[in-house]
Amino acid sequence: MVTKEEVCRDFTACPITATMEVIGGKWKPIILYNLTFGTRRFGEILVRIPSISRKVLTEQLKELEKDGLVIRKQYEEMPPRVEYSLTERSRGLVAVFKEISDWGIKNLL
């Protein structure tokens, strides 16, 4: 049986590497963390992450949707309304983000 330590010796097959390829980067974890509190409209996410540009937020949300971590729901009304929420797949990250948040509060803030 292969242990997790042995798997991570080959970083191309490492579960941490694979996970970080999908949720890594400067903005994706913050976007996902914000969505752990519930469905948000684009403008609500933008307000909660003031240092992100509209363009970058749009790109990151598209990537998260493509990777199956975010659901984008568009309503046929004027003005157009779009909401984002976590998928079942990404809900498994909620506990991870809570731990990261708790660690940050305890050790950094």
PDB file of N, CA and C in Angstrom:
ATOM      1  N   MET A   1       0.844  -1.185   0.000  1.00  0.00           N
ATOM      2  CA  MET A   1       0.000   0.000   0.000  1.00  0.00           C
ATOM      3  C   MET A   1       0.884   1.240   0.000  1.00  0.00           C
ATOM      4  N   VAL A   2       0.554   2.211  -0.822  1.00  0.00           N
ATOM      5  CA  VAL A   2       1.315   3.452  -0.924  1.00  0.00           C
ATOM      6  C   VAL A   2       0.800   4.437   0.109  1.00  0.00           C
ATOM      7  N   THR A   3       1.710   5.044   0.869  1.00  0.00           N
ATOM      8  CA  THR A   3       1.313   6.038   1.864  1.00  0.00           C
ATOM      9  C   THR A   3       1.201   7.405   1.216  1.00  0.00           C
ATOM     10  N   LYS A   4       0.530   8.336   1.911  1.00  0.00           N
ATOM     11  CA  LYS A   4       0.402   9.712   1.405  1.00  0.00           C
ATOM     12  C   LYS A   4       1.769  10.356   1.249  1.00  0.00           C
ATOM     13  N   GLU A   5       2.679  10.053   2.170  1.00  0.00           N
ATOM     14  CA  GLU A   5       4.024  10.621   2.087  1.00  0.00           C
ATOM     15  C   GLU A   5       4.732  10.160   0.822  1.00  0.00           C
ATOM     16  N   GLU A   6       4.590   8.883   0.496  1.00  0.00           N
ATOM     17  CA  GLU A   6       5.227   8.364  -0.714  1.00  0.00           C
ATOM     18  C   GLU A   6       4.618   8.977  -1.972  1.00  0.00           C
ATOM     19  N   VAL A   7       3.315   9.180  -1.980  1.00  0.00           N
ATOM     20  CA  VAL A   7       2.658   9.803  -3.132  1.00  0.00           C
ATOM     21  C   VAL A   7       3.190  11.211  -3.341  1.00  0.00           C
ATOM     22  N   CYS A   8       3.407  11.950  -2.273  1.00  0.00           N
ATOM     23  CA  CYS A   8       3.834  13.348  -2.393  1.00  0.00           C
ATOM     24  C   CYS A   8       5.307  13.497  -2.760  1.00  0.00           C
ATOM     25  N   ARG A   9       6.042  12.416  -2.832  1.00  0.00           N
ATOM     26  CA  ARG A   9       7.419  12.507  -3.325  1.00  0.00           C
ATOM     27  C   ARG A   9       7.422  12.846  -4.807  1.00  0.00           C
ATOM     28  N   ASP A  10       6.380  12.427  -5.516  1.00  0.00           N
ATOM     29  CA  ASP A  10       6.199  12.778  -6.918  1.00  0.00           C
ATOM     30  C   ASP A  10       5.122  13.858  -6.946  1.00  0.00           C
ATOM     31  N   PHE A  11       5.551  15.114  -7.037  1.00  0.00           N
ATOM     32  CA  PHE A  11       4.607  16.216  -6.902  1.00  0.00           C
ATOM     33  C   PHE A  11       3.561  16.262  -8.003  1.00  0.00           C
ATOM     34  N   THR A  12       3.787  15.581  -9.118  1.00  0.00           N
ATOM     35  CA  THR A  12       2.764  15.547 -10.159  1.00  0.00           C
ATOM     36  C   THR A  12       1.586  14.675  -9.754  1.00  0.00           C
ATOM     37  N   ALA A  13       1.807  13.767  -8.808  1.00  0.00           N
ATOM     38  CA  ALA A  13       0.743  12.887  -8.335  1.00  0.00           C
ATOM     39  C   ALA A  13       0.307  13.220  -6.906  1.00  0.00           C
ATOM     40  N   CYS A  14       0.794  14.305  -6.365  1.00  0.00           N
ATOM     41  CA  CYS A  14       0.516  14.688  -4.984  1.00  0.00           C
ATOM     42  C   CYS A  14      -0.896  15.279  -4.854  1.00  0.00           C
ATOM     43  N   PRO A  15      -1.681  14.830  -3.887  1.00  0.00           N
ATOM     44  CA  PRO A  15      -3.026  15.378  -3.725  1.00  0.00           C
ATOM     45  C   PRO A  15      -3.022  16.866  -3.378  1.00  0.00           C
ATOM     46  N   ILE A  16      -2.014  17.339  -2.662  1.00  0.00           N
ATOM     47  CA  ILE A  16      -1.928  18.766  -2.337  1.00  0.00           C
ATOM     48  C   ILE A  16      -1.681  19.565  -3.610  1.00  0.00           C
ATOM     49  N   THR A  17      -0.770  19.095  -4.451  1.00  0.00           N
ATOM     50  CA  THR A  17      -0.488  19.765  -5.720  1.00  0.00           C
ATOM     51  C   THR A  17      -1.745  19.816  -6.583  1.00  0.00           C
ATOM     52  N   ALA A  18      -2.444  18.704  -6.683  1.00  0.00           N
ATOM     53  CA  ALA A  18      -3.660  18.645  -7.497  1.00  0.00           C
ATOM     54  C   ALA A  18      -4.720  19.615  -6.980  1.00  0.00           C
ATOM     55  N   THR A  19      -4.885  19.668  -5.673  1.00  0.00           N
ATOM     56  CA  THR A  19      -5.871  20.573  -5.077  1.00  0.00           C
ATOM     57  C   THR A  19      -5.489  22.030  -5.311  1.00  0.00           C
ATOM     58  N   MET A  20      -4.210  22.351  -5.120  1.00  0.00           N
ATOM     59  CA  MET A  20      -3.776  23.741  -5.277  1.00  0.00           C
ATOM     60  C   MET A  20      -3.860  24.208  -6.726  1.00  0.00           C
ATOM     61  N   GLU A  21      -3.776  23.285  -7.677  1.00  0.00           N
ATOM     62  CA  GLU A  21      -3.942  23.663  -9.076  1.00  0.00           C
ATOM     63  C   GLU A  21      -5.361  24.145  -9.346  1.00  0.00           C
ATOM     64  N   VAL A  22      -6.315  23.651  -8.581  1.00  0.00           N
ATOM     65  CA  VAL A  22      -7.716  24.028  -8.782  1.00  0.00           C
ATOM     66  C   VAL A  22      -8.118  25.212  -7.909  1.00  0.00           C
ATOM     67  N   ILE A  23      -7.683  25.239  -6.647  1.00  0.00           N
ATOM     68  CA  ILE A  23      -8.136  26.309  -5.739  1.00  0.00           C
ATOM     69  C   ILE A  23      -7.029  27.285  -5.375  1.00  0.00           C
ATOM     70  N   GLY A  24      -5.842  27.103  -5.933  1.00  0.00           N
ATOM     71  CA  GLY A  24      -4.715  27.950  -5.566  1.00  0.00           C
ATOM     72  C   GLY A  24      -4.759  29.312  -6.227  1.00  0.00           C
ATOM     73  N   GLY A  25      -3.784  30.111  -5.902  1.00  0.00           N
ATOM     74  CA  GLY A  25      -3.698  31.454  -6.443  1.00  0.00           C
ATOM     75  C   GLY A  25      -4.076  32.474  -5.398  1.00  0.00           C
ATOM     76  N   LYS A  26      -4.033  33.709  -5.805  1.00  0.00           N
ATOM     77  CA  LYS A  26      -4.296  34.809  -4.871  1.00  0.00           C
ATOM     78  C   LYS A  26      -5.782  34.945  -4.543  1.00  0.00           C
ATOM     79  N   TRP A  27      -6.655  34.731  -5.522  1.00  0.00           N
ATOM     80  CA  TRP A  27      -8.054  35.092  -5.350  1.00  0.00           C
ATOM     81  C   TRP A  27      -9.018  33.934  -5.154  1.00  0.00           C
ATOM     82  N   LYS A  28      -8.764  32.792  -5.735  1.00  0.00           N
ATOM     83  CA  LYS A  28      -9.738  31.701  -5.670  1.00  0.00           C
ATOM     84  C   LYS A  28     -10.088  31.285  -4.246  1.00  0.00           C
ATOM     85  N   PRO A  29      -9.114  31.117  -3.356  1.00  0.00           N
ATOM     86  CA  PRO A  29      -9.493  30.743  -1.986  1.00  0.00           C
ATOM     87  C   PRO A  29     -10.360  31.807  -1.309  1.00  0.00           C
ATOM     88  N   ILE A  30     -10.083  33.067  -1.580  1.00  0.00           N
ATOM     89  CA  ILE A  30     -10.854  34.152  -0.969  1.00  0.00           C
ATOM     90  C   ILE A  30     -12.273  34.170  -1.528  1.00  0.00           C
ATOM     91  N   ILE A  31     -12.406  33.965  -2.828  1.00  0.00           N
ATOM     92  CA  ILE A  31     -13.735  33.911  -3.450  1.00  0.00           C
ATOM     93  C   ILE A  31     -14.523  32.736  -2.877  1.00  0.00           C
ATOM     94  N   LEU A  32     -13.908  31.571  -2.848  1.00  0.00           N
ATOM     95  CA  LEU A  32     -14.589  30.388  -2.314  1.00  0.00           C
ATOM     96  C   LEU A  32     -14.959  30.584  -0.847  1.00  0.00           C
ATOM     97  N   TYR A  33     -14.051  31.158  -0.065  1.00  0.00           N
ATOM     98  CA  TYR A  33     -14.338  31.410   1.352  1.00  0.00           C
ATOM     99  C   TYR A  33     -15.549  32.322   1.494  1.00  0.00           C
ATOM    100  N   ASN A  34     -15.615  33.369   0.678  1.00  0.00           N
ATOM    101  CA  ASN A  34     -16.766  34.269   0.724  1.00  0.00           C
ATOM    102  C   ASN A  34     -18.066  33.541   0.395  1.00  0.00           C
ATOM    103  N   LEU A  35     -18.005  32.587  -0.499  1.00  0.00           N
ATOM    104  CA  LEU A  35     -19.207  31.848  -0.861  1.00  0.00           C
ATOM    105  C   LEU A  35     -19.601  30.802   0.178  1.00  0.00           C
ATOM    106  N   THR A  36     -18.722  30.518   1.142  1.00  0.00           N
ATOM    107  CA  THR A  36     -19.100  29.581   2.206  1.00  0.00           C
ATOM    108  C   THR A  36     -20.209  30.167   3.080  1.00  0.00           C
ATOM    109  N   PHE A  37     -20.403  31.476   3.020  1.00  0.00           N
ATOM    110  CA  PHE A  37     -21.437  32.132   3.821  1.00  0.00           C
ATOM    111  C   PHE A  37     -22.777  32.199   3.087  1.00  0.00           C
ATOM    112  N   GLY A  38     -22.825  31.703   1.853  1.00  0.00           N
ATOM    113  CA  GLY A  38     -24.078  31.665   1.120  1.00  0.00           C
ATOM    114  C   GLY A  38     -23.937  32.214  -0.287  1.00  0.00           C
ATOM    115  N   THR A  39     -25.037  32.148  -1.018  1.00  0.00           N
ATOM    116  CA  THR A  39     -25.087  32.632  -2.393  1.00  0.00           C
ATOM    117  C   THR A  39     -24.845  34.132  -2.418  1.00  0.00           C
ATOM    118  N   ARG A  40     -24.040  34.564  -3.392  1.00  0.00           N
ATOM    119  CA  ARG A  40     -23.708  35.983  -3.525  1.00  0.00           C
ATOM    120  C   ARG A  40     -23.867  36.420  -4.972  1.00  0.00           C
ATOM    121  N   ARG A  41     -24.280  37.666  -5.135  1.00  0.00           N
ATOM    122  CA  ARG A  41     -24.279  38.280  -6.449  1.00  0.00           C
ATOM    123  C   ARG A  41     -22.879  38.790  -6.740  1.00  0.00           C
ATOM    124  N   PHE A  42     -22.595  39.010  -8.022  1.00  0.00           N
ATOM    125  CA  PHE A  42     -21.270  39.469  -8.438  1.00  0.00           C
ATOM    126  C   PHE A  42     -20.850  40.703  -7.648  1.00  0.00           C
ATOM    127  N   GLY A  43     -21.724  41.693  -7.564  1.00  0.00           N
ATOM    128  CA  GLY A  43     -21.407  42.937  -6.854  1.00  0.00           C
ATOM    129  C   GLY A  43     -21.132  42.735  -5.380  1.00  0.00           C
ATOM    130  N   GLU A  44     -21.820  41.771  -4.763  1.00  0.00           N
ATOM    131  CA  GLU A  44     -21.589  41.475  -3.350  1.00  0.00           C
ATOM    132  C   GLU A  44     -20.196  40.892  -3.135  1.00  0.00           C
ATOM    133  N   ILE A  45     -19.784  40.027  -4.045  1.00  0.00           N
ATOM    134  CA  ILE A  45     -18.437  39.455  -3.941  1.00  0.00           C
ATOM    135  C   ILE A  45     -17.410  40.558  -4.123  1.00  0.00           C
ATOM    136  N   LEU A  46     -17.638  41.412  -5.110  1.00  0.00           N
ATOM    137  CA  LEU A  46     -16.720  42.516  -5.409  1.00  0.00           C
ATOM    138  C   LEU A  46     -16.555  43.444  -4.205  1.00  0.00           C
ATOM    139  N   VAL A  47     -17.643  43.746  -3.520  1.00  0.00           N
ATOM    140  CA  VAL A  47     -17.592  44.620  -2.338  1.00  0.00           C
ATOM    141  C   VAL A  47     -16.816  43.964  -1.202  1.00  0.00           C
ATOM    142  N   ARG A  48     -16.960  42.659  -1.057  1.00  0.00           N
ATOM    143  CA  ARG A  48     -16.290  41.943   0.037  1.00  0.00           C
ATOM    144  C   ARG A  48     -14.807  41.703  -0.229  1.00  0.00           C
ATOM    145  N   ILE A  49     -14.390  41.864  -1.492  1.00  0.00           N
ATOM    146  CA  ILE A  49     -12.975  41.728  -1.847  1.00  0.00           C
ATOM    147  C   ILE A  49     -12.581  43.016  -2.594  1.00  0.00           C
ATOM    148  N   PRO A  50     -12.417  44.114  -1.873  1.00  0.00           N
ATOM    149  CA  PRO A  50     -12.234  45.414  -2.532  1.00  0.00           C
ATOM    150  C   PRO A  50     -10.970  45.548  -3.376  1.00  0.00           C
ATOM    151  N   SER A  51      -9.969  44.744  -3.145  1.00  0.00           N
ATOM    152  CA  SER A  51      -8.727  44.897  -3.905  1.00  0.00           C
ATOM    153  C   SER A  51      -8.704  44.090  -5.207  1.00  0.00           C
ATOM    154  N   ILE A  52      -9.774  43.353  -5.507  1.00  0.00           N
ATOM    155  CA  ILE A  52      -9.826  42.599  -6.760  1.00  0.00           C
ATOM    156  C   ILE A  52     -10.517  43.453  -7.826  1.00  0.00           C
ATOM    157  N   SER A  53     -10.044  43.369  -9.046  1.00  0.00           N
ATOM    158  CA  SER A  53     -10.688  44.110 -10.132  1.00  0.00           C
ATOM    159  C   SER A  53     -11.872  43.309 -10.672  1.00  0.00           C
ATOM    160  N   ARG A  54     -12.793  43.998 -11.324  1.00  0.00           N
ATOM    161  CA  ARG A  54     -13.955  43.338 -11.925  1.00  0.00           C
ATOM    162  C   ARG A  54     -13.501  42.277 -12.929  1.00  0.00           C
ATOM    163  N   LYS A  55     -12.485  42.626 -13.724  1.00  0.00           N
ATOM    164  CA  LYS A  55     -11.981  41.718 -14.760  1.00  0.00           C
ATOM    165  C   LYS A  55     -11.433  40.428 -14.140  1.00  0.00           C
ATOM    166  N   VAL A  56     -10.610  40.575 -13.114  1.00  0.00           N
ATOM    167  CA  VAL A  56     -10.007  39.405 -12.474  1.00  0.00           C
ATOM    168  C   VAL A  56     -11.080  38.569 -11.784  1.00  0.00           C
ATOM    169  N   LEU A  57     -12.024  39.218 -11.110  1.00  0.00           N
ATOM    170  CA  LEU A  57     -13.105  38.471 -10.454  1.00  0.00           C
ATOM    171  C   LEU A  57     -13.890  37.675 -11.487  1.00  0.00           C
ATOM    172  N   THR A  58     -14.197  38.288 -12.614  1.00  0.00           N
ATOM    173  CA  THR A  58     -14.920  37.592 -13.680  1.00  0.00           C
ATOM    174  C   THR A  58     -14.138  36.377 -14.155  1.00  0.00           C
ATOM    175  N   GLU A  59     -12.843  36.547 -14.402  1.00  0.00           N
ATOM    176  CA  GLU A  59     -12.005  35.441 -14.869  1.00  0.00           C
ATOM    177  C   GLU A  59     -11.940  34.309 -13.850  1.00  0.00           C
ATOM    178  N   GLN A  60     -11.753  34.670 -12.585  1.00  0.00           N
ATOM    179  CA  GLN A  60     -11.630  33.654 -11.537  1.00  0.00           C
ATOM    180  C   GLN A  60     -12.935  32.891 -11.356  1.00  0.00           C
ATOM    181  N   LEU A  61     -14.065  33.601 -11.400  1.00  0.00           N
ATOM    182  CA  LEU A  61     -15.362  32.935 -11.278  1.00  0.00           C
ATOM    183  C   LEU A  61     -15.600  31.981 -12.451  1.00  0.00           C
ATOM    184  N   LYS A  62     -15.201  32.380 -13.653  1.00  0.00           N
ATOM    185  CA  LYS A  62     -15.340  31.497 -14.816  1.00  0.00           C
ATOM    186  C   LYS A  62     -14.510  30.233 -14.646  1.00  0.00           C
ATOM    187  N   GLU A  63     -13.276  30.380 -14.147  1.00  0.00           N
ATOM    188  CA  GLU A  63     -12.420  29.214 -13.923  1.00  0.00           C
ATOM    189  C   GLU A  63     -13.007  28.300 -12.847  1.00  0.00           C
ATOM    190  N   LEU A  64     -13.507  28.896 -11.769  1.00  0.00           N
ATOM    191  CA  LEU A  64     -14.100  28.099 -10.697  1.00  0.00           C
ATOM    192  C   LEU A  64     -15.348  27.365 -11.189  1.00  0.00           C
ATOM    193  N   GLU A  65     -16.124  28.011 -12.043  1.00  0.00           N
ATOM    194  CA  GLU A  65     -17.301  27.361 -12.623  1.00  0.00           C
ATOM    195  C   GLU A  65     -16.872  26.209 -13.536  1.00  0.00           C
ATOM    196  N   LYS A  66     -15.865  26.454 -14.372  1.00  0.00           N
ATOM    197  CA  LYS A  66     -15.354  25.423 -15.283  1.00  0.00           C
ATOM    198  C   LYS A  66     -14.836  24.209 -14.509  1.00  0.00           C
ATOM    199  N   ASP A  67     -14.221  24.446 -13.357  1.00  0.00           N
ATOM    200  CA  ASP A  67     -13.666  23.370 -12.534  1.00  0.00           C
ATOM    201  C   ASP A  67     -14.716  22.701 -11.647  1.00  0.00           C
ATOM    202  N   GLY A  68     -15.961  23.143 -11.747  1.00  0.00           N
ATOM    203  CA  GLY A  68     -17.038  22.514 -10.995  1.00  0.00           C
ATOM    204  C   GLY A  68     -17.094  22.887  -9.534  1.00  0.00           C
ATOM    205  N   LEU A  69     -16.548  24.055  -9.186  1.00  0.00           N
ATOM    206  CA  LEU A  69     -16.544  24.482  -7.785  1.00  0.00           C
ATOM    207  C   LEU A  69     -17.575  25.570  -7.494  1.00  0.00           C
ATOM    208  N   VAL A  70     -18.064  26.238  -8.536  1.00  0.00           N
ATOM    209  CA  VAL A  70     -19.017  27.328  -8.371  1.00  0.00           C
ATOM    210  C   VAL A  70     -20.166  27.134  -9.355  1.00  0.00           C
ATOM    211  N   ILE A  71     -21.370  27.419  -8.872  1.00  0.00           N
ATOM    212  CA  ILE A  71     -22.558  27.421  -9.729  1.00  0.00           C
ATOM    213  C   ILE A  71     -22.891  28.869 -10.054  1.00  0.00           C
ATOM    214  N   ARG A  72     -23.076  29.129 -11.338  1.00  0.00           N
ATOM    215  CA  ARG A  72     -23.478  30.463 -11.797  1.00  0.00           C
ATOM    216  C   ARG A  72     -24.932  30.369 -12.239  1.00  0.00           C
ATOM    217  N   LYS A  73     -25.786  31.177 -11.619  1.00  0.00           N
ATOM    218  CA  LYS A  73     -27.198  31.176 -11.979  1.00  0.00           C
ATOM    219  C   LYS A  73     -27.565  32.559 -12.481  1.00  0.00           C
ATOM    220  N   GLN A  74     -28.024  32.612 -13.738  1.00  0.00           N
ATOM    221  CA  GLN A  74     -28.403  33.886 -14.350  1.00  0.00           C
ATOM    222  C   GLN A  74     -29.919  33.953 -14.443  1.00  0.00           C
ATOM    223  N   TYR A  75     -30.477  35.082 -13.994  1.00  0.00           N
ATOM    224  CA  TYR A  75     -31.914  35.285 -14.026  1.00  0.00           C
ATOM    225  C   TYR A  75     -32.272  36.141 -15.241  1.00  0.00           C
ATOM    226  N   GLU A  76     -33.343  35.780 -15.902  1.00  0.00           N
ATOM    227  CA  GLU A  76     -33.803  36.514 -17.083  1.00  0.00           C
ATOM    228  C   GLU A  76     -34.673  37.680 -16.633  1.00  0.00           C
ATOM    229  N   GLU A  77     -34.043  38.759 -16.220  1.00  0.00           N
ATOM    230  CA  GLU A  77     -34.750  39.953 -15.791  1.00  0.00           C
ATOM    231  C   GLU A  77     -33.901  41.166 -16.113  1.00  0.00           C
ATOM    232  N   MET A  78     -34.498  42.332 -16.017  1.00  0.00           N
ATOM    233  CA  MET A  78     -33.768  43.574 -16.270  1.00  0.00           C
ATOM    234  C   MET A  78     -33.759  44.398 -15.004  1.00  0.00           C
ATOM    235  N   PRO A  79     -32.614  44.871 -14.546  1.00  0.00           N
ATOM    236  CA  PRO A  79     -31.297  44.549 -15.095  1.00  0.00           C
ATOM    237  C   PRO A  79     -30.937  43.097 -14.800  1.00  0.00           C
ATOM    238  N   PRO A  80     -30.020  42.547 -15.608  1.00  0.00           N
ATOM    239  CA  PRO A  80     -29.639  41.140 -15.414  1.00  0.00           C
ATOM    240  C   PRO A  80     -29.098  40.887 -14.003  1.00  0.00           C
ATOM    241  N   ARG A  81     -29.443  39.740 -13.468  1.00  0.00           N
ATOM    242  CA  ARG A  81     -28.967  39.358 -12.132  1.00  0.00           C
ATOM    243  C   ARG A  81     -28.295  37.999 -12.239  1.00  0.00           C
ATOM    244  N   VAL A  82     -27.089  37.901 -11.673  1.00  0.00           N
ATOM    245  CA  VAL A  82     -26.332  36.655 -11.666  1.00  0.00           C
ATOM    246  C   VAL A  82     -25.926  36.362 -10.230  1.00  0.00           C
ATOM    247  N   GLU A  83     -26.124  35.127  -9.817  1.00  0.00           N
ATOM    248  CA  GLU A  83     -25.734  34.700  -8.475  1.00  0.00           C
ATOM    249  C   GLU A  83     -24.743  33.543  -8.557  1.00  0.00           C
ATOM    250  N   TYR A  84     -23.868  33.495  -7.566  1.00  0.00           N
ATOM    251  CA  TYR A  84     -22.854  32.444  -7.490  1.00  0.00           C
ATOM    252  C   TYR A  84     -22.998  31.725  -6.154  1.00  0.00           C
ATOM    253  N   SER A  85     -22.811  30.419  -6.206  1.00  0.00           N
ATOM    254  CA  SER A  85     -22.854  29.619  -4.983  1.00  0.00           C
ATOM    255  C   SER A  85     -21.900  28.435  -5.133  1.00  0.00           C
ATOM    256  N   LEU A  86     -21.629  27.789  -4.020  1.00  0.00           N
ATOM    257  CA  LEU A  86     -20.755  26.622  -4.021  1.00  0.00           C
ATOM    258  C   LEU A  86     -21.487  25.405  -4.563  1.00  0.00           C
ATOM    259  N   THR A  87     -20.753  24.531  -5.221  1.00  0.00           N
ATOM    260  CA  THR A  87     -21.300  23.248  -5.649  1.00  0.00           C
ATOM    261  C   THR A  87     -21.153  22.252  -4.499  1.00  0.00           C
ATOM    262  N   GLU A  88     -21.787  21.101  -4.639  1.00  0.00           N
ATOM    263  CA  GLU A  88     -21.617  20.045  -3.626  1.00  0.00           C
ATOM    264  C   GLU A  88     -20.137  19.694  -3.489  1.00  0.00           C
ATOM    265  N   ARG A  89     -19.451  19.643  -4.616  1.00  0.00           N
ATOM    266  CA  ARG A  89     -18.019  19.299  -4.623  1.00  0.00           C
ATOM    267  C   ARG A  89     -17.212  20.286  -3.775  1.00  0.00           C
ATOM    268  N   SER A  90     -17.489  21.569  -3.931  1.00  0.00           N
ATOM    269  CA  SER A  90     -16.699  22.566  -3.209  1.00  0.00           C
ATOM    270  C   SER A  90     -17.150  22.755  -1.767  1.00  0.00           C
ATOM    271  N   ARG A  91     -18.337  22.284  -1.430  1.00  0.00           N
ATOM    272  CA  ARG A  91     -18.787  22.393  -0.031  1.00  0.00           C
ATOM    273  C   ARG A  91     -17.865  21.613   0.904  1.00  0.00           C
ATOM    274  N   GLY A  92     -17.177  20.621   0.365  1.00  0.00           N
ATOM    275  CA  GLY A  92     -16.201  19.871   1.156  1.00  0.00           C
ATOM    276  C   GLY A  92     -15.029  20.715   1.611  1.00  0.00           C
ATOM    277  N   LEU A  93     -14.858  21.878   0.990  1.00  0.00           N
ATOM    278  CA  LEU A  93     -13.768  22.786   1.368  1.00  0.00           C
ATOM    279  C   LEU A  93     -14.132  23.697   2.537  1.00  0.00           C
ATOM    280  N   VAL A  94     -15.403  23.749   2.910  1.00  0.00           N
ATOM    281  CA  VAL A  94     -15.838  24.668   3.964  1.00  0.00           C
ATOM    282  C   VAL A  94     -15.058  24.440   5.255  1.00  0.00           C
ATOM    283  N   ALA A  95     -14.909  23.190   5.663  1.00  0.00           N
ATOM    284  CA  ALA A  95     -14.172  22.884   6.897  1.00  0.00           C
ATOM    285  C   ALA A  95     -12.704  23.281   6.770  1.00  0.00           C
ATOM    286  N   VAL A  96     -12.142  23.102   5.579  1.00  0.00           N
ATOM    287  CA  VAL A  96     -10.741  23.488   5.338  1.00  0.00           C
ATOM    288  C   VAL A  96     -10.581  24.991   5.505  1.00  0.00           C
ATOM    289  N   PHE A  97     -11.482  25.758   4.881  1.00  0.00           N
ATOM    290  CA  PHE A  97     -11.398  27.216   4.986  1.00  0.00           C
ATOM    291  C   PHE A  97     -11.644  27.704   6.412  1.00  0.00           C
ATOM    292  N   LYS A  98     -12.516  27.013   7.157  1.00  0.00           N
ATOM    293  CA  LYS A  98     -12.725  27.386   8.558  1.00  0.00           C
ATOM    294  C   LYS A  98     -11.444  27.184   9.353  1.00  0.00           C
ATOM    295  N   GLU A  99     -10.771  26.069   9.123  1.00  0.00           N
ATOM    296  CA  GLU A  99      -9.505  25.814   9.823  1.00  0.00           C
ATOM    297  C   GLU A  99      -8.457  26.866   9.465  1.00  0.00           C
ATOM    298  N   ILE A 100      -8.356  27.210   8.183  1.00  0.00           N
ATOM    299  CA  ILE A 100      -7.399  28.236   7.756  1.00  0.00           C
ATOM    300  C   ILE A 100      -7.748  29.572   8.401  1.00  0.00           C
ATOM    301  N   SER A 101      -9.035  29.907   8.426  1.00  0.00           N
ATOM    302  CA  SER A 101      -9.483  31.153   9.051  1.00  0.00           C
ATOM    303  C   SER A 101      -9.143  31.180  10.536  1.00  0.00           C
ATOM    304  N   ASP A 102      -9.455  30.095  11.233  1.00  0.00           N
ATOM    305  CA  ASP A 102      -9.158  30.013  12.676  1.00  0.00           C
ATOM    306  C   ASP A 102      -7.662  30.144  12.925  1.00  0.00           C
ATOM    307  N   TRP A 103      -6.854  29.491  12.098  1.00  0.00           N
ATOM    308  CA  TRP A 103      -5.400  29.571  12.253  1.00  0.00           C
ATOM    309  C   TRP A 103      -4.923  31.008  12.040  1.00  0.00           C
ATOM    310  N   GLY A 104      -5.459  31.663  11.018  1.00  0.00           N
ATOM    311  CA  GLY A 104      -5.073  33.045  10.734  1.00  0.00           C
ATOM    312  C   GLY A 104      -5.435  33.990  11.872  1.00  0.00           C
ATOM    313  N   ILE A 105      -6.620  33.804  12.443  1.00  0.00           N
ATOM    314  CA  ILE A 105      -7.045  34.636  13.564  1.00  0.00           C
ATOM    315  C   ILE A 105      -6.128  34.417  14.758  1.00  0.00           C
ATOM    316  N   LYS A 106      -5.826  33.164  15.031  1.00  0.00           N
ATOM    317  CA  LYS A 106      -4.988  32.815  16.192  1.00  0.00           C
ATOM    318  C   LYS A 106      -3.538  33.252  16.012  1.00  0.00           C
ATOM    319  N   ASN A 107      -2.990  33.102  14.822  1.00  0.00           N
ATOM    320  CA  ASN A 107      -1.550  33.293  14.636  1.00  0.00           C
ATOM    321  C   ASN A 107      -1.139  34.574  13.913  1.00  0.00           C
ATOM    322  N   LEU A 108      -2.057  35.203  13.190  1.00  0.00           N
ATOM    323  CA  LEU A 108      -1.651  36.344  12.383  1.00  0.00           C
ATOM    324  C   LEU A 108      -2.377  37.645  12.706  1.00  0.00           C
ATOM    325  N   LEU A 109      -3.615  37.550  13.149  1.00  0.00           N
ATOM    326  CA  LEU A 109      -4.389  38.779  13.388  1.00  0.00           C
ATOM    327  C   LEU A 109      -4.450  39.136  14.858  1.00  0.00           C
TER     328      LEU A 109
END
